């Protein structure tokens, strides 16, 4: 779609806060898509959004990665639990959370994460209750967020062609190069250093 990017905006650092403070001054119903992992940046984005949002609703799809018994990230299970406790504290009595599990490998050890990520959402009706869809890729491997972002864009494109109501779509990421350099997972990592938001309307 040639015009897909014509109304996008990119906000970094303090501009991230300014953008969301102005944007969320009006009532918005948000769907926040988040990965549950050991990365300490997992909750930074949703914490900031929930601090700023005073009107409207926020629901969350929390993606858990089933990586198999041999995954090197198994040794970081305590960090995952620390993140989950923070997430539960942030969302308790405020955010309706829908868990989604993605198997990263099949029983025959074939990688399946990308294919399963693309199946989380099927069509525009999955977003009918929301003004905005936010995906936070800070704690997601590229093999998950790349097909997931692609699928959401595809759904929006199809809905546009049919003149259906579509949500605004935002991508949020928190970068820390030092953390990234120390993450050695079964997939490539591709995370960024500062809060950013990409708005598509």
Protein backbone atom coordinates (compact mmCIF):
# COMPACT_ATOMS: atom_id res chain seq x y z
CA UNK A 1 0.00 0.00 0.00
CA UNK A 2 1.72 3.13 -1.27
CA UNK A 3 0.07 5.50 1.22
CA UNK A 4 0.53 3.29 4.28
CA UNK A 5 3.29 5.43 5.78
CA UNK A 6 2.15 8.92 4.80
CA UNK A 7 0.64 9.72 8.21
CA UNK A 8 3.25 8.14 10.46
CA UNK A 9 5.07 9.88 13.31
CA UNK A 10 8.13 8.90 15.32
CA UNK A 11 8.58 10.04 18.93
CA UNK A 12 11.71 9.43 21.02
CA UNK A 13 12.73 10.14 24.59
CA UNK A 14 10.85 13.10 26.07
CA UNK A 15 8.84 13.40 22.86
CA UNK A 16 7.41 9.95 23.61
CA UNK A 17 5.87 11.26 26.84
CA UNK A 18 4.67 14.44 25.17
CA UNK A 19 3.03 12.54 22.35
CA UNK A 20 1.15 10.17 24.63
CA UNK A 21 0.14 12.85 27.14
CA UNK A 22 -1.52 14.79 24.35
CA UNK A 23 -2.86 11.73 22.54
CA UNK A 24 -4.36 10.11 25.63
CA UNK A 25 -5.94 13.34 26.86
CA UNK A 26 -8.87 12.16 24.73
CA UNK A 27 -10.63 8.90 25.50
CA UNK A 28 -8.93 5.94 23.82
CA UNK A 29 -9.53 2.22 24.10
CA UNK A 30 -6.18 0.50 23.81
CA UNK A 31 -5.04 -3.01 22.98
CA UNK A 32 -1.49 -3.48 24.26
CA UNK A 33 0.43 -6.48 22.88
CA UNK A 34 3.36 -7.51 25.05
CA UNK A 35 5.86 -10.36 25.20
CA UNK A 36 6.57 -12.09 28.52
CA UNK A 37 10.27 -12.77 28.78
CA UNK A 38 13.34 -12.29 30.95
CA UNK A 39 14.31 -8.97 29.36
CA UNK A 40 14.24 -6.23 32.06
CA UNK A 41 12.68 -3.79 29.58
CA UNK A 42 9.48 -5.82 29.36
CA UNK A 43 7.27 -3.55 31.47
CA UNK A 44 8.76 -0.13 30.69
CA UNK A 45 6.34 0.73 27.93
CA UNK A 46 3.08 -0.43 29.49
CA UNK A 47 4.03 1.21 32.78
CA UNK A 48 4.48 4.54 31.02
CA UNK A 49 1.22 4.23 29.08
CA UNK A 50 -0.78 3.31 32.19
CA UNK A 51 0.75 6.23 34.10
CA UNK A 52 -0.34 8.62 31.37
CA UNK A 53 -3.75 7.20 30.45
CA UNK A 54 -6.57 8.74 32.48
CA UNK A 55 -9.52 8.10 30.14
CA UNK A 56 -10.68 5.06 28.22
CA UNK A 57 -9.67 1.44 28.64
CA UNK A 58 -6.58 -0.70 28.19
CA UNK A 59 -6.55 -4.42 27.50
CA UNK A 60 -3.45 -6.55 27.03
CA UNK A 61 -2.50 -9.61 25.03
CA UNK A 62 0.43 -11.18 26.88
CA UNK A 63 2.50 -13.54 24.72
CA UNK A 64 4.39 -16.33 26.44
CA UNK A 65 7.11 -18.19 24.55
CA UNK A 66 7.24 -21.96 24.93
CA UNK A 67 10.85 -22.55 23.94
CA UNK A 68 11.36 -26.20 24.78
CA UNK A 69 13.42 -27.91 27.46
CA UNK A 70 16.77 -27.12 25.83
CA UNK A 71 16.27 -23.37 25.48
CA UNK A 72 19.22 -21.38 26.92
CA UNK A 73 16.76 -18.83 28.32
CA UNK A 74 15.50 -21.43 30.81
CA UNK A 75 18.25 -20.35 33.19
CA UNK A 76 16.63 -16.89 33.37
CA UNK A 77 13.32 -18.16 34.73
CA UNK A 78 13.71 -16.06 37.88
CA UNK A 79 13.97 -12.91 35.76
CA UNK A 80 10.77 -13.86 33.93
CA UNK A 81 8.98 -14.22 37.25
CA UNK A 82 10.26 -10.83 38.44
CA UNK A 83 8.88 -9.28 35.25
CA UNK A 84 5.56 -11.09 35.67
CA UNK A 85 5.17 -9.83 39.23
CA UNK A 86 5.78 -6.26 38.05
CA UNK A 87 3.33 -6.76 35.19
CA UNK A 88 0.67 -8.16 37.54
CA UNK A 89 1.12 -5.21 39.90
CA UNK A 90 0.79 -2.70 37.06
CA UNK A 91 -2.29 -4.30 35.52
CA UNK A 92 -4.13 -5.52 38.64
CA UNK A 93 -7.78 -4.38 38.69
CA UNK A 94 -7.16 -2.11 35.72
CA UNK A 95 -6.23 -4.12 32.63
CA UNK A 96 -7.98 -7.21 31.26
CA UNK A 97 -5.19 -9.58 30.26
CA UNK A 98 -5.53 -12.30 27.61
CA UNK A 99 -2.62 -14.78 27.63
CA UNK A 100 -1.38 -16.29 24.37
CA UNK A 101 1.19 -19.09 24.22
CA UNK A 102 3.50 -19.51 21.25
CA UNK A 103 5.53 -22.68 20.73
CA UNK A 104 8.93 -21.65 19.42
CA UNK A 105 9.81 -25.20 18.35
CA UNK A 106 7.77 -28.25 17.38
CA UNK A 107 8.18 -31.73 18.80
CA UNK A 108 10.56 -32.47 15.94
CA UNK A 109 12.59 -29.34 16.86
CA UNK A 110 11.47 -27.31 13.85
CA UNK A 111 11.10 -23.59 14.51
CA UNK A 112 7.42 -22.67 14.64
CA UNK A 113 7.36 -19.31 16.44
CA UNK A 114 6.98 -17.11 13.36
CA UNK A 115 4.09 -19.12 12.00
CA UNK A 116 2.27 -19.19 15.34
CA UNK A 117 2.82 -15.46 15.91
CA UNK A 118 1.09 -14.69 12.61
CA UNK A 119 -1.97 -16.63 13.79
CA UNK A 120 -2.64 -14.62 16.95
CA UNK A 121 -4.89 -12.21 15.06
CA UNK A 122 -7.06 -13.25 12.12
CA UNK A 123 -9.06 -10.25 10.88
CA UNK A 124 -10.19 -6.72 11.68
CA UNK A 125 -12.94 -7.97 14.00
CA UNK A 126 -10.17 -8.82 16.49
CA UNK A 127 -9.68 -5.06 16.88
CA UNK A 128 -13.29 -3.86 16.75
CA UNK A 129 -13.34 -2.73 20.40
CA UNK A 130 -10.20 -0.64 20.19
CA UNK A 131 -9.28 2.80 18.91
CA UNK A 132 -5.59 1.91 19.04
CA UNK A 133 -3.41 -1.20 18.84
CA UNK A 134 0.03 -0.98 20.46
CA UNK A 135 2.70 -3.65 20.09
CA UNK A 136 5.69 -3.46 22.41
CA UNK A 137 8.59 -5.33 20.85
CA UNK A 138 11.07 -4.64 23.68
CA UNK A 139 10.93 -8.21 25.02
CA UNK A 140 10.08 -9.98 21.76
CA UNK A 141 12.48 -11.88 19.52
CA UNK A 142 12.51 -10.69 15.92
CA UNK A 143 11.07 -14.04 14.85
CA UNK A 144 7.90 -13.13 16.79
CA UNK A 145 7.44 -9.42 16.30
CA UNK A 146 8.30 -9.31 12.61
CA UNK A 147 5.51 -11.66 11.44
CA UNK A 148 3.13 -10.26 14.06
CA UNK A 149 3.61 -6.67 12.88
CA UNK A 150 3.30 -7.86 9.27
CA UNK A 151 0.04 -9.66 9.98
CA UNK A 152 -1.50 -6.65 11.74
CA UNK A 153 -0.52 -4.39 8.85
CA UNK A 154 -2.04 -6.88 6.41
CA UNK A 155 -5.30 -6.93 8.38
CA UNK A 156 -5.41 -3.12 8.39
CA UNK A 157 -4.70 -2.99 4.65
CA UNK A 158 -7.55 -5.39 3.88
CA UNK A 159 -9.92 -3.44 6.13
CA UNK A 160 -8.95 -0.18 4.41
CA UNK A 161 -9.76 -1.68 1.02
CA UNK A 162 -13.20 -2.57 2.32
CA UNK A 163 -13.67 0.87 3.92
CA UNK A 164 -13.99 -0.71 7.36
CA UNK A 165 -13.17 1.06 10.59
CA UNK A 166 -9.54 0.55 11.56
CA UNK A 167 -7.52 1.32 14.69
CA UNK A 168 -4.40 3.44 14.81
CA UNK A 169 -1.34 1.20 15.06
CA UNK A 170 1.66 1.95 17.27
CA UNK A 171 4.99 0.19 17.70
CA UNK A 172 6.82 0.75 20.98
CA UNK A 173 10.36 -0.28 21.86
CA UNK A 174 12.87 0.37 24.63
CA UNK A 175 16.52 0.07 23.67
CA UNK A 176 19.57 -0.79 25.72
CA UNK A 177 22.57 -1.82 23.58
CA UNK A 178 24.41 -3.28 26.59
CA UNK A 179 21.53 -5.64 27.34
CA UNK A 180 21.18 -6.55 23.68
CA UNK A 181 24.86 -7.43 23.40
CA UNK A 182 24.48 -9.90 26.27
CA UNK A 183 21.38 -11.67 24.97
CA UNK A 184 22.22 -14.90 23.18
CA UNK A 185 19.01 -16.65 22.26
CA UNK A 186 17.94 -19.18 19.67
CA UNK A 187 16.66 -16.30 17.52
CA UNK A 188 18.19 -13.03 16.33
CA UNK A 189 17.56 -10.03 18.60
CA UNK A 190 16.71 -6.66 17.04
CA UNK A 191 15.74 -4.18 19.75
CA UNK A 192 16.20 -0.44 19.93
CA UNK A 193 17.51 1.99 22.58
CA UNK A 194 14.80 4.49 23.46
CA UNK A 195 11.07 4.64 23.73
CA UNK A 196 9.74 5.10 20.24
CA UNK A 197 6.28 5.11 18.80
CA UNK A 198 5.22 4.69 15.21
CA UNK A 199 1.68 5.84 14.46
CA UNK A 200 -0.19 4.66 11.39
CA UNK A 201 -3.60 6.16 10.64
